Amino acid sequence: MSQVQILSGALDIYFFIMSLLSQTDRQNVIKALDFLLFSKGEDMSEMERAELNALLNWIKLEYNKNEN
């Protein structure tokens, strides 16, 4: 997987997440990314894991920010 494909995929995920409407949506994405990192994390490069972790942390921040 090339860096261009990774960045393109990350941008797709970013724009998808920006369009999430509910906390339930955010929870589902958090669960999916957790699962992906847990089940496929060893098949990814360190950079890919770091990018997904950064994305996961950002979604968690958005979730917590909108919790109240």
PDB file of N, CA and C in Angstrom:
ATOM      1  N   MET A   1       0.855  -1.175   0.000  1.00  0.00           N
ATOM      2  CA  MET A   1       0.000   0.000   0.000  1.00  0.00           C
ATOM      3  C   MET A   1       0.899   1.235   0.000  1.00  0.00           C
ATOM      4  N   SER A   2       0.691   2.115  -0.955  1.00  0.00           N
ATOM      5  CA  SER A   2       1.534   3.297  -1.071  1.00  0.00           C
ATOM      6  C   SER A   2       1.076   4.396  -0.116  1.00  0.00           C
ATOM      7  N   GLN A   3       1.941   5.357   0.104  1.00  0.00           N
ATOM      8  CA  GLN A   3       1.608   6.481   0.980  1.00  0.00           C
ATOM      9  C   GLN A   3       0.459   7.296   0.407  1.00  0.00           C
ATOM     10  N   VAL A   4       0.379   7.387  -0.920  1.00  0.00           N
ATOM     11  CA  VAL A   4      -0.714   8.124  -1.542  1.00  0.00           C
ATOM     12  C   VAL A   4      -2.042   7.444  -1.241  1.00  0.00           C
ATOM     13  N   GLN A   5      -2.079   6.112  -1.326  1.00  0.00           N
ATOM     14  CA  GLN A   5      -3.299   5.375  -1.019  1.00  0.00           C
ATOM     15  C   GLN A   5      -3.679   5.546   0.452  1.00  0.00           C
ATOM     16  N   ILE A   6      -2.682   5.514   1.318  1.00  0.00           N
ATOM     17  CA  ILE A   6      -2.943   5.677   2.752  1.00  0.00           C
ATOM     18  C   ILE A   6      -3.513   7.065   3.026  1.00  0.00           C
ATOM     19  N   LEU A   7      -2.873   8.088   2.454  1.00  0.00           N
ATOM     20  CA  LEU A   7      -3.349   9.452   2.673  1.00  0.00           C
ATOM     21  C   LEU A   7      -4.733   9.651   2.074  1.00  0.00           C
ATOM     22  N   SER A   8      -4.970   9.069   0.912  1.00  0.00           N
ATOM     23  CA  SER A   8      -6.280   9.169   0.283  1.00  0.00           C
ATOM     24  C   SER A   8      -7.332   8.499   1.166  1.00  0.00           C
ATOM     25  N   GLY A   9      -6.998   7.328   1.693  1.00  0.00           N
ATOM     26  CA  GLY A   9      -7.918   6.630   2.589  1.00  0.00           C
ATOM     27  C   GLY A   9      -8.159   7.407   3.866  1.00  0.00           C
ATOM     28  N   ALA A  10      -7.098   8.002   4.404  1.00  0.00           N
ATOM     29  CA  ALA A  10      -7.242   8.792   5.631  1.00  0.00           C
ATOM     30  C   ALA A  10      -8.137  10.001   5.386  1.00  0.00           C
ATOM     31  N   LEU A  11      -7.980  10.632   4.227  1.00  0.00           N
ATOM     32  CA  LEU A  11      -8.835  11.780   3.907  1.00  0.00           C
ATOM     33  C   LEU A  11     -10.288  11.349   3.742  1.00  0.00           C
ATOM     34  N   ASP A  12     -10.501  10.207   3.112  1.00  0.00           N
ATOM     35  CA  ASP A  12     -11.865   9.691   2.967  1.00  0.00           C
ATOM     36  C   ASP A  12     -12.493   9.467   4.339  1.00  0.00           C
ATOM     37  N   ILE A  13     -11.729   8.864   5.234  1.00  0.00           N
ATOM     38  CA  ILE A  13     -12.233   8.614   6.586  1.00  0.00           C
ATOM     39  C   ILE A  13     -12.492   9.941   7.299  1.00  0.00           C
ATOM     40  N   TYR A  14     -11.578  10.887   7.147  1.00  0.00           N
ATOM     41  CA  TYR A  14     -11.726  12.195   7.786  1.00  0.00           C
ATOM     42  C   TYR A  14     -13.031  12.865   7.344  1.00  0.00           C
ATOM     43  N   PHE A  15     -13.272  12.904   6.040  1.00  0.00           N
ATOM     44  CA  PHE A  15     -14.487  13.558   5.550  1.00  0.00           C
ATOM     45  C   PHE A  15     -15.737  12.787   5.958  1.00  0.00           C
ATOM     46  N   PHE A  16     -15.636  11.464   6.033  1.00  0.00           N
ATOM     47  CA  PHE A  16     -16.758  10.664   6.498  1.00  0.00           C
ATOM     48  C   PHE A  16     -17.070  10.998   7.958  1.00  0.00           C
ATOM     49  N   ILE A  17     -16.050  11.070   8.770  1.00  0.00           N
ATOM     50  CA  ILE A  17     -16.242  11.335  10.194  1.00  0.00           C
ATOM     51  C   ILE A  17     -16.774  12.740  10.414  1.00  0.00           C
ATOM     52  N   MET A  18     -16.299  13.685   9.611  1.00  0.00           N
ATOM     53  CA  MET A  18     -16.799  15.048   9.742  1.00  0.00           C
ATOM     54  C   MET A  18     -18.303  15.113   9.500  1.00  0.00           C
ATOM     55  N   SER A  19     -18.836  14.169   8.735  1.00  0.00           N
ATOM     56  CA  SER A  19     -20.254  14.181   8.421  1.00  0.00           C
ATOM     57  C   SER A  19     -21.085  13.369   9.418  1.00  0.00           C
ATOM     58  N   LEU A  20     -20.457  12.797  10.419  1.00  0.00           N
ATOM     59  CA  LEU A  20     -21.212  12.010  11.391  1.00  0.00           C
ATOM     60  C   LEU A  20     -22.195  12.899  12.133  1.00  0.00           C
ATOM     61  N   LEU A  21     -23.370  12.367  12.330  1.00  0.00           N
ATOM     62  CA  LEU A  21     -24.426  13.177  12.922  1.00  0.00           C
ATOM     63  C   LEU A  21     -24.675  12.889  14.392  1.00  0.00           C
ATOM     64  N   SER A  22     -24.329  11.740  14.859  1.00  0.00           N
ATOM     65  CA  SER A  22     -24.708  11.392  16.229  1.00  0.00           C
ATOM     66  C   SER A  22     -23.542  10.796  17.004  1.00  0.00           C
ATOM     67  N   GLN A  23     -23.722  10.774  18.295  1.00  0.00           N
ATOM     68  CA  GLN A  23     -22.744  10.147  19.170  1.00  0.00           C
ATOM     69  C   GLN A  23     -22.681   8.648  18.897  1.00  0.00           C
ATOM     70  N   THR A  24     -23.808   8.067  18.526  1.00  0.00           N
ATOM     71  CA  THR A  24     -23.833   6.642  18.202  1.00  0.00           C
ATOM     72  C   THR A  24     -22.929   6.361  17.003  1.00  0.00           C
ATOM     73  N   ASP A  25     -22.975   7.251  16.015  1.00  0.00           N
ATOM     74  CA  ASP A  25     -22.086   7.108  14.859  1.00  0.00           C
ATOM     75  C   ASP A  25     -20.629   7.136  15.307  1.00  0.00           C
ATOM     76  N   ARG A  26     -20.299   8.080  16.154  1.00  0.00           N
ATOM     77  CA  ARG A  26     -18.920   8.192  16.642  1.00  0.00           C
ATOM     78  C   ARG A  26     -18.525   6.936  17.421  1.00  0.00           C
ATOM     79  N   GLN A  27     -19.430   6.434  18.259  1.00  0.00           N
ATOM     80  CA  GLN A  27     -19.144   5.213  19.016  1.00  0.00           C
ATOM     81  C   GLN A  27     -18.871   4.044  18.077  1.00  0.00           C
ATOM     82  N   ASN A  28     -19.659   3.923  17.031  1.00  0.00           N
ATOM     83  CA  ASN A  28     -19.473   2.822  16.087  1.00  0.00           C
ATOM     84  C   ASN A  28     -18.138   2.921  15.362  1.00  0.00           C
ATOM     85  N   VAL A  29     -17.728   4.135  15.002  1.00  0.00           N
ATOM     86  CA  VAL A  29     -16.436   4.320  14.340  1.00  0.00           C
ATOM     87  C   VAL A  29     -15.305   4.008  15.311  1.00  0.00           C
ATOM     88  N   ILE A  30     -15.447   4.415  16.555  1.00  0.00           N
ATOM     89  CA  ILE A  30     -14.437   4.110  17.572  1.00  0.00           C
ATOM     90  C   ILE A  30     -14.282   2.598  17.709  1.00  0.00           C
ATOM     91  N   LYS A  31     -15.398   1.887  17.801  1.00  0.00           N
ATOM     92  CA  LYS A  31     -15.348   0.423  17.916  1.00  0.00           C
ATOM     93  C   LYS A  31     -14.697  -0.202  16.688  1.00  0.00           C
ATOM     94  N   ALA A  32     -15.049   0.300  15.507  1.00  0.00           N
ATOM     95  CA  ALA A  32     -14.504  -0.259  14.266  1.00  0.00           C
ATOM     96  C   ALA A  32     -12.996  -0.037  14.172  1.00  0.00           C
ATOM     97  N   LEU A  33     -12.545   1.179  14.510  1.00  0.00           N
ATOM     98  CA  LEU A  33     -11.107   1.452  14.455  1.00  0.00           C
ATOM     99  C   LEU A  33     -10.349   0.666  15.515  1.00  0.00           C
ATOM    100  N   ASP A  34     -10.930   0.537  16.705  1.00  0.00           N
ATOM    101  CA  ASP A  34     -10.309  -0.295  17.743  1.00  0.00           C
ATOM    102  C   ASP A  34     -10.141  -1.730  17.242  1.00  0.00           C
ATOM    103  N   PHE A  35     -11.204  -2.257  16.633  1.00  0.00           N
ATOM    104  CA  PHE A  35     -11.155  -3.618  16.107  1.00  0.00           C
ATOM    105  C   PHE A  35     -10.093  -3.736  15.017  1.00  0.00           C
ATOM    106  N   LEU A  36     -10.066  -2.784  14.100  1.00  0.00           N
ATOM    107  CA  LEU A  36      -9.097  -2.808  13.012  1.00  0.00           C
ATOM    108  C   LEU A  36      -7.673  -2.790  13.551  1.00  0.00           C
ATOM    109  N   LEU A  37      -7.412  -1.911  14.498  1.00  0.00           N
ATOM    110  CA  LEU A  37      -6.067  -1.835  15.067  1.00  0.00           C
ATOM    111  C   LEU A  37      -5.708  -3.101  15.826  1.00  0.00           C
ATOM    112  N   PHE A  38      -6.685  -3.691  16.516  1.00  0.00           N
ATOM    113  CA  PHE A  38      -6.420  -4.899  17.295  1.00  0.00           C
ATOM    114  C   PHE A  38      -6.220  -6.105  16.380  1.00  0.00           C
ATOM    115  N   SER A  39      -7.072  -6.235  15.364  1.00  0.00           N
ATOM    116  CA  SER A  39      -7.032  -7.441  14.543  1.00  0.00           C
ATOM    117  C   SER A  39      -6.036  -7.367  13.386  1.00  0.00           C
ATOM    118  N   LYS A  40      -5.804  -6.187  12.848  1.00  0.00           N
ATOM    119  CA  LYS A  40      -4.931  -6.049  11.679  1.00  0.00           C
ATOM    120  C   LYS A  40      -3.703  -5.187  11.945  1.00  0.00           C
ATOM    121  N   GLY A  41      -3.556  -4.721  13.162  1.00  0.00           N
ATOM    122  CA  GLY A  41      -2.470  -3.804  13.486  1.00  0.00           C
ATOM    123  C   GLY A  41      -1.088  -4.345  13.189  1.00  0.00           C
ATOM    124  N   GLU A  42      -0.905  -5.644  13.345  1.00  0.00           N
ATOM    125  CA  GLU A  42       0.416  -6.214  13.099  1.00  0.00           C
ATOM    126  C   GLU A  42       0.734  -6.293  11.613  1.00  0.00           C
ATOM    127  N   ASP A  43      -0.294  -6.226  10.769  1.00  0.00           N
ATOM    128  CA  ASP A  43      -0.089  -6.248   9.321  1.00  0.00           C
ATOM    129  C   ASP A  43       0.188  -4.858   8.757  1.00  0.00           C
ATOM    130  N   MET A  44       0.115  -3.847   9.594  1.00  0.00           N
ATOM    131  CA  MET A  44       0.300  -2.462   9.157  1.00  0.00           C
ATOM    132  C   MET A  44       1.698  -1.972   9.509  1.00  0.00           C
ATOM    133  N   SER A  45       2.129  -0.969   8.772  1.00  0.00           N
ATOM    134  CA  SER A  45       3.408  -0.343   9.118  1.00  0.00           C
ATOM    135  C   SER A  45       3.209   0.511  10.373  1.00  0.00           C
ATOM    136  N   GLU A  46       4.306   0.909  10.945  1.00  0.00           N
ATOM    137  CA  GLU A  46       4.250   1.763  12.135  1.00  0.00           C
ATOM    138  C   GLU A  46       3.534   3.080  11.819  1.00  0.00           C
ATOM    139  N   MET A  47       3.781   3.604  10.627  1.00  0.00           N
ATOM    140  CA  MET A  47       3.143   4.859  10.225  1.00  0.00           C
ATOM    141  C   MET A  47       1.625   4.681  10.077  1.00  0.00           C
ATOM    142  N   GLU A  48       1.211   3.586   9.487  1.00  0.00           N
ATOM    143  CA  GLU A  48      -0.225   3.329   9.334  1.00  0.00           C
ATOM    144  C   GLU A  48      -0.908   3.228  10.693  1.00  0.00           C
ATOM    145  N   ARG A  49      -0.282   2.497  11.619  1.00  0.00           N
ATOM    146  CA  ARG A  49      -0.845   2.374  12.970  1.00  0.00           C
ATOM    147  C   ARG A  49      -0.904   3.733  13.662  1.00  0.00           C
ATOM    148  N   ALA A  50       0.144   4.533  13.496  1.00  0.00           N
ATOM    149  CA  ALA A  50       0.179   5.856  14.125  1.00  0.00           C
ATOM    150  C   ALA A  50      -0.933   6.744  13.564  1.00  0.00           C
ATOM    151  N   GLU A  51      -1.136   6.689  12.249  1.00  0.00           N
ATOM    152  CA  GLU A  51      -2.193   7.495  11.642  1.00  0.00           C
ATOM    153  C   GLU A  51      -3.567   7.070  12.126  1.00  0.00           C
ATOM    154  N   LEU A  52      -3.799   5.771  12.203  1.00  0.00           N
ATOM    155  CA  LEU A  52      -5.093   5.297  12.691  1.00  0.00           C
ATOM    156  C   LEU A  52      -5.292   5.633  14.164  1.00  0.00           C
ATOM    157  N   ASN A  53      -4.214   5.539  14.942  1.00  0.00           N
ATOM    158  CA  ASN A  53      -4.310   5.918  16.353  1.00  0.00           C
ATOM    159  C   ASN A  53      -4.623   7.395  16.509  1.00  0.00           C
ATOM    160  N   ALA A  54      -4.000   8.230  15.685  1.00  0.00           N
ATOM    161  CA  ALA A  54      -4.282   9.667  15.735  1.00  0.00           C
ATOM    162  C   ALA A  54      -5.741   9.929  15.377  1.00  0.00           C
ATOM    163  N   LEU A  55      -6.221   9.264  14.352  1.00  0.00           N
ATOM    164  CA  LEU A  55      -7.619   9.416  13.952  1.00  0.00           C
ATOM    165  C   LEU A  55      -8.556   8.939  15.053  1.00  0.00           C
ATOM    166  N   LEU A  56      -8.237   7.807  15.636  1.00  0.00           N
ATOM    167  CA  LEU A  56      -9.048   7.272  16.730  1.00  0.00           C
ATOM    168  C   LEU A  56      -9.084   8.238  17.913  1.00  0.00           C
ATOM    169  N   ASN A  57      -7.942   8.798  18.264  1.00  0.00           N
ATOM    170  CA  ASN A  57      -7.895   9.746  19.375  1.00  0.00           C
ATOM    171  C   ASN A  57      -8.709  11.001  19.077  1.00  0.00           C
ATOM    172  N   TRP A  58      -8.649  11.463  17.832  1.00  0.00           N
ATOM    173  CA  TRP A  58      -9.419  12.647  17.446  1.00  0.00           C
ATOM    174  C   TRP A  58     -10.920  12.373  17.556  1.00  0.00           C
ATOM    175  N   ILE A  59     -11.351  11.198  17.103  1.00  0.00           N
ATOM    176  CA  ILE A  59     -12.775  10.850  17.193  1.00  0.00           C
ATOM    177  C   ILE A  59     -13.199  10.742  18.652  1.00  0.00           C
ATOM    178  N   LYS A  60     -12.353  10.166  19.470  1.00  0.00           N
ATOM    179  CA  LYS A  60     -12.665  10.078  20.900  1.00  0.00           C
ATOM    180  C   LYS A  60     -12.787  11.468  21.517  1.00  0.00           C
ATOM    181  N   LEU A  61     -11.906  12.380  21.124  1.00  0.00           N
ATOM    182  CA  LEU A  61     -12.016  13.771  21.610  1.00  0.00           C
ATOM    183  C   LEU A  61     -13.335  14.399  21.175  1.00  0.00           C
ATOM    184  N   GLU A  62     -13.709  14.209  19.902  1.00  0.00           N
ATOM    185  CA  GLU A  62     -14.976  14.732  19.403  1.00  0.00           C
ATOM    186  C   GLU A  62     -16.148  14.112  20.148  1.00  0.00           C
ATOM    187  N   TYR A  63     -16.055  12.849  20.415  1.00  0.00           N
ATOM    188  CA  TYR A  63     -17.110  12.152  21.152  1.00  0.00           C
ATOM    189  C   TYR A  63     -17.248  12.764  22.556  1.00  0.00           C
ATOM    190  N   ASN A  64     -16.126  12.905  23.244  1.00  0.00           N
ATOM    191  CA  ASN A  64     -16.159  13.457  24.607  1.00  0.00           C
ATOM    192  C   ASN A  64     -16.607  14.922  24.607  1.00  0.00           C
ATOM    193  N   LYS A  65     -16.194  15.674  23.608  1.00  0.00           N
ATOM    194  CA  LYS A  65     -16.578  17.080  23.515  1.00  0.00           C
ATOM    195  C   LYS A  65     -18.090  17.226  23.333  1.00  0.00           C
ATOM    196  N   ASN A  66     -18.693  16.304  22.616  1.00  0.00           N
ATOM    197  CA  ASN A  66     -20.127  16.384  22.327  1.00  0.00           C
ATOM    198  C   ASN A  66     -20.971  15.526  23.271  1.00  0.00           C
ATOM    199  N   GLU A  67     -20.336  14.966  24.287  1.00  0.00           N
ATOM    200  CA  GLU A  67     -21.043  14.062  25.198  1.00  0.00           C
ATOM    201  C   GLU A  67     -22.088  14.777  26.023  1.00  0.00           C
ATOM    202  N   ASN A  68     -21.821  15.980  26.435  1.00  0.00           N
ATOM    203  CA  ASN A  68     -22.737  16.697  27.330  1.00  0.00           C
ATOM    204  C   ASN A  68     -23.743  17.508  26.582  1.00  0.00           C
TER     205      ASN A  68
END
